[in-house]
Amino acid sequence: MDLFLWVKSLHVISIIAWMAGMLYLPRLFVYHAEAEVGSEKSETFKVMERRLLKAIINPAMVASWIFGLWAAYELSAWQDGWFHAKLTLVIIMSGVHGYLSKCVKNFAADQNTKPARFYRILNEVPTVLMICIVILVIVKPF
């Protein structure tokens, strides 16, 4: 069986898991920002956010990078313009991931200073990045 098909499959699976978490976590922040500090609701969100980040989002991001770089190597995509653009957007997505991780820590310490509206807007950033990445991979415009 072709190893590349397994690598590509694992890359897609890990991306789906990563994006699911990246889209859900800011939504949790919206509700958490509206919860009273110290309330049972706030404490529940802390547990949900930490588990989502540690058990799903972090491992999925690592797997996405590993299988994605492996696939790029197998495809010899390093010279292609679309791949450079995709890689740039994935680096930005990883930066967003890092920012969301910081937000989890802030909420856990009851130090959030952002309103729910901020997280509603932030929730759209991974979506826009994902759309651009998918277009680059499928259409390969350059």
C-alpha atoms as a PDB file:
ATOM      1  CA  MET A   1       0.000   0.000   0.000  1.00  0.00           C
ATOM      2  CA  ASP A   2       1.230   3.512  -0.814  1.00  0.00           C
ATOM      3  CA  LEU A   3       2.696   5.149   2.308  1.00  0.00           C
ATOM      4  CA  PHE A   4       1.971   8.630   0.933  1.00  0.00           C
ATOM      5  CA  LEU A   5      -1.785   7.959   0.969  1.00  0.00           C
ATOM      6  CA  TRP A   6      -1.525   7.093   4.677  1.00  0.00           C
ATOM      7  CA  VAL A   7       0.491  10.234   5.376  1.00  0.00           C
ATOM      8  CA  LYS A   8      -2.002  12.374   3.468  1.00  0.00           C
ATOM      9  CA  SER A   9      -4.936  10.721   5.254  1.00  0.00           C
ATOM     10  CA  LEU A  10      -3.379  11.295   8.669  1.00  0.00           C
ATOM     11  CA  HIS A  11      -2.645  14.901   7.709  1.00  0.00           C
ATOM     12  CA  VAL A  12      -6.276  15.536   6.757  1.00  0.00           C
ATOM     13  CA  ILE A  13      -7.567  13.791   9.906  1.00  0.00           C
ATOM     14  CA  SER A  14      -5.283  15.830  12.146  1.00  0.00           C
ATOM     15  CA  ILE A  15      -6.270  19.067  10.387  1.00  0.00           C
ATOM     16  CA  ILE A  16      -9.957  18.290  10.914  1.00  0.00           C
ATOM     17  CA  ALA A  17      -9.336  17.744  14.632  1.00  0.00           C
ATOM     18  CA  TRP A  18      -7.173  20.874  14.894  1.00  0.00           C
ATOM     19  CA  MET A  19      -9.721  23.050  13.135  1.00  0.00           C
ATOM     20  CA  ALA A  20     -12.619  21.654  15.151  1.00  0.00           C
ATOM     21  CA  GLY A  21     -10.841  22.735  18.306  1.00  0.00           C
ATOM     22  CA  MET A  22      -9.717  26.073  16.878  1.00  0.00           C
ATOM     23  CA  LEU A  23     -13.314  26.881  15.950  1.00  0.00           C
ATOM     24  CA  TYR A  24     -14.825  25.690  19.241  1.00  0.00           C
ATOM     25  CA  LEU A  25     -12.381  27.189  21.747  1.00  0.00           C
ATOM     26  CA  PRO A  26     -13.103  30.861  20.946  1.00  0.00           C
ATOM     27  CA  ARG A  27     -16.818  30.055  21.129  1.00  0.00           C
ATOM     28  CA  LEU A  28     -16.253  28.752  24.668  1.00  0.00           C
ATOM     29  CA  PHE A  29     -14.456  32.023  25.416  1.00  0.00           C
ATOM     30  CA  VAL A  30     -17.538  33.977  24.305  1.00  0.00           C
ATOM     31  CA  TYR A  31     -19.650  32.227  26.933  1.00  0.00           C
ATOM     32  CA  HIS A  32     -16.882  32.219  29.530  1.00  0.00           C
ATOM     33  CA  ALA A  33     -16.380  35.994  29.172  1.00  0.00           C
ATOM     34  CA  GLU A  34     -20.061  36.420  29.994  1.00  0.00           C
ATOM     35  CA  ALA A  35     -19.881  34.167  33.081  1.00  0.00           C
ATOM     36  CA  GLU A  36     -19.296  35.657  36.509  1.00  0.00           C
ATOM     37  CA  VAL A  37     -15.758  35.098  37.806  1.00  0.00           C
ATOM     38  CA  GLY A  38     -15.699  32.321  40.393  1.00  0.00           C
ATOM     39  CA  SER A  39     -19.122  31.003  39.442  1.00  0.00           C
ATOM     40  CA  GLU A  40     -19.757  27.320  38.848  1.00  0.00           C
ATOM     41  CA  LYS A  41     -20.312  28.151  35.185  1.00  0.00           C
ATOM     42  CA  SER A  42     -16.904  29.860  34.960  1.00  0.00           C
ATOM     43  CA  GLU A  43     -15.160  26.930  36.633  1.00  0.00           C
ATOM     44  CA  THR A  44     -16.838  24.497  34.218  1.00  0.00           C
ATOM     45  CA  PHE A  45     -15.609  26.531  31.241  1.00  0.00           C
ATOM     46  CA  LYS A  46     -12.066  26.436  32.652  1.00  0.00           C
ATOM     47  CA  VAL A  47     -12.136  22.632  32.673  1.00  0.00           C
ATOM     48  CA  MET A  48     -13.646  22.436  29.188  1.00  0.00           C
ATOM     49  CA  GLU A  49     -11.122  24.880  27.727  1.00  0.00           C
ATOM     50  CA  ARG A  50      -8.116  23.173  29.307  1.00  0.00           C
ATOM     51  CA  ARG A  51      -9.208  19.701  28.204  1.00  0.00           C
ATOM     52  CA  LEU A  52      -9.997  20.843  24.677  1.00  0.00           C
ATOM     53  CA  LEU A  53      -6.605  22.512  24.357  1.00  0.00           C
ATOM     54  CA  LYS A  54      -4.503  19.769  25.959  1.00  0.00           C
ATOM     55  CA  ALA A  55      -6.313  16.664  24.687  1.00  0.00           C
ATOM     56  CA  ILE A  56      -7.362  17.717  21.190  1.00  0.00           C
ATOM     57  CA  ILE A  57      -5.999  20.995  19.844  1.00  0.00           C
ATOM     58  CA  ASN A  58      -2.338  20.675  20.869  1.00  0.00           C
ATOM     59  CA  PRO A  59      -1.854  17.048  19.704  1.00  0.00           C
ATOM     60  CA  ALA A  60      -3.789  17.741  16.492  1.00  0.00           C
ATOM     61  CA  MET A  61      -1.595  20.741  15.673  1.00  0.00           C
ATOM     62  CA  VAL A  62       1.582  18.729  16.226  1.00  0.00           C
ATOM     63  CA  ALA A  63       0.254  15.882  14.070  1.00  0.00           C
ATOM     64  CA  SER A  64      -0.829  18.352  11.357  1.00  0.00           C
ATOM     65  CA  TRP A  65       2.679  19.779  11.197  1.00  0.00           C
ATOM     66  CA  ILE A  66       4.396  16.378  11.193  1.00  0.00           C
ATOM     67  CA  PHE A  67       2.209  14.807   8.515  1.00  0.00           C
ATOM     68  CA  GLY A  68       2.015  18.044   6.513  1.00  0.00           C
ATOM     69  CA  LEU A  69       5.776  18.464   6.323  1.00  0.00           C
ATOM     70  CA  TRP A  70       6.121  14.776   5.502  1.00  0.00           C
ATOM     71  CA  ALA A  71       3.564  15.125   2.696  1.00  0.00           C
ATOM     72  CA  ALA A  72       5.327  18.249   1.379  1.00  0.00           C
ATOM     73  CA  TYR A  73       8.569  16.305   1.272  1.00  0.00           C
ATOM     74  CA  GLU A  74       6.932  13.411  -0.572  1.00  0.00           C
ATOM     75  CA  LEU A  75       5.363  15.826  -3.082  1.00  0.00           C
ATOM     76  CA  SER A  76       8.519  17.926  -3.473  1.00  0.00           C
ATOM     77  CA  ALA A  77       6.254  20.935  -2.919  1.00  0.00           C
ATOM     78  CA  TRP A  78       9.003  23.148  -1.479  1.00  0.00           C
ATOM     79  CA  GLN A  79       9.492  25.037  -4.753  1.00  0.00           C
ATOM     80  CA  ASP A  80       5.801  25.727  -5.431  1.00  0.00           C
ATOM     81  CA  GLY A  81       4.388  29.190  -4.801  1.00  0.00           C
ATOM     82  CA  TRP A  82       1.080  27.874  -3.509  1.00  0.00           C
ATOM     83  CA  PHE A  83       2.952  25.836  -0.898  1.00  0.00           C
ATOM     84  CA  HIS A  84       4.908  28.863   0.330  1.00  0.00           C
ATOM     85  CA  ALA A  85       1.643  30.782   0.721  1.00  0.00           C
ATOM     86  CA  LYS A  86       0.013  27.828   2.478  1.00  0.00           C
ATOM     87  CA  LEU A  87       2.971  27.419   4.812  1.00  0.00           C
ATOM     88  CA  THR A  88       2.804  31.120   5.695  1.00  0.00           C
ATOM     89  CA  LEU A  89      -0.894  30.813   6.541  1.00  0.00           C
ATOM     90  CA  VAL A  90      -0.271  27.662   8.605  1.00  0.00           C
ATOM     91  CA  ILE A  91       2.401  29.544  10.554  1.00  0.00           C
ATOM     92  CA  ILE A  92      -0.139  32.311  11.182  1.00  0.00           C
ATOM     93  CA  MET A  93      -2.693  29.666  12.245  1.00  0.00           C
ATOM     94  CA  SER A  94      -0.110  28.297  14.670  1.00  0.00           C
ATOM     95  CA  GLY A  95       0.319  31.811  16.041  1.00  0.00           C
ATOM     96  CA  VAL A  96      -3.443  32.061  16.556  1.00  0.00           C
ATOM     97  CA  HIS A  97      -3.235  28.702  18.321  1.00  0.00           C
ATOM     98  CA  GLY A  98      -0.578  30.159  20.618  1.00  0.00           C
ATOM     99  CA  TYR A  99      -2.747  33.189  21.337  1.00  0.00           C
ATOM    100  CA  LEU A 100      -5.720  30.950  22.172  1.00  0.00           C
ATOM    101  CA  SER A 101      -3.463  28.983  24.530  1.00  0.00           C
ATOM    102  CA  LYS A 102      -2.592  32.251  26.276  1.00  0.00           C
ATOM    103  CA  CYS A 103      -6.305  33.048  26.559  1.00  0.00           C
ATOM    104  CA  VAL A 104      -6.916  29.666  28.235  1.00  0.00           C
ATOM    105  CA  LYS A 105      -4.255  30.546  30.812  1.00  0.00           C
ATOM    106  CA  ASN A 106      -5.776  34.003  31.359  1.00  0.00           C
ATOM    107  CA  PHE A 107      -9.251  32.565  31.902  1.00  0.00           C
ATOM    108  CA  ALA A 108      -7.842  29.876  34.218  1.00  0.00           C
ATOM    109  CA  ALA A 109      -6.262  32.618  36.358  1.00  0.00           C
ATOM    110  CA  ASP A 110      -9.441  34.758  36.215  1.00  0.00           C
ATOM    111  CA  GLN A 111      -7.453  37.413  34.359  1.00  0.00           C
ATOM    112  CA  ASN A 112      -9.475  37.776  31.163  1.00  0.00           C
ATOM    113  CA  THR A 113      -9.847  41.432  30.173  1.00  0.00           C
ATOM    114  CA  LYS A 114     -11.557  40.989  26.804  1.00  0.00           C
ATOM    115  CA  PRO A 115     -15.314  41.198  26.214  1.00  0.00           C
ATOM    116  CA  ALA A 116     -17.357  38.427  24.593  1.00  0.00           C
ATOM    117  CA  ARG A 117     -17.546  40.475  21.369  1.00  0.00           C
ATOM    118  CA  PHE A 118     -13.749  40.244  20.995  1.00  0.00           C
ATOM    119  CA  TYR A 119     -13.946  36.448  21.058  1.00  0.00           C
ATOM    120  CA  ARG A 120     -16.842  36.443  18.571  1.00  0.00           C
ATOM    121  CA  ILE A 121     -14.595  38.289  16.120  1.00  0.00           C
ATOM    122  CA  LEU A 122     -11.545  36.170  17.004  1.00  0.00           C
ATOM    123  CA  ASN A 123     -13.640  33.077  16.257  1.00  0.00           C
ATOM    124  CA  GLU A 124     -13.670  34.072  12.563  1.00  0.00           C
ATOM    125  CA  VAL A 125      -9.876  34.221  12.167  1.00  0.00           C
ATOM    126  CA  PRO A 126      -9.283  30.430  11.976  1.00  0.00           C
ATOM    127  CA  THR A 127     -12.208  30.151   9.547  1.00  0.00           C
ATOM    128  CA  VAL A 128     -10.768  32.711   7.143  1.00  0.00           C
ATOM    129  CA  LEU A 129      -7.310  31.138   7.362  1.00  0.00           C
ATOM    130  CA  MET A 130      -8.768  27.669   6.757  1.00  0.00           C
ATOM    131  CA  ILE A 131     -10.687  28.850   3.665  1.00  0.00           C
ATOM    132  CA  CYS A 132      -7.554  30.420   2.186  1.00  0.00           C
ATOM    133  CA  ILE A 133      -5.449  27.328   2.939  1.00  0.00           C
ATOM    134  CA  VAL A 134      -7.964  24.953   1.349  1.00  0.00           C
ATOM    135  CA  ILE A 135      -8.178  27.115  -1.777  1.00  0.00           C
ATOM    136  CA  LEU A 136      -4.385  27.173  -2.059  1.00  0.00           C
ATOM    137  CA  VAL A 137      -4.147  23.395  -1.714  1.00  0.00           C
ATOM    138  CA  ILE A 138      -6.982  22.522  -4.103  1.00  0.00           C
ATOM    139  CA  VAL A 139      -6.761  25.270  -6.732  1.00  0.00           C
ATOM    140  CA  LYS A 140      -2.969  25.841  -6.554  1.00  0.00           C
ATOM    141  CA  PRO A 141      -3.370  29.324  -8.120  1.00  0.00           C
ATOM    142  CA  PHE A 142       0.388  29.866  -8.427  1.00  0.00           C
END
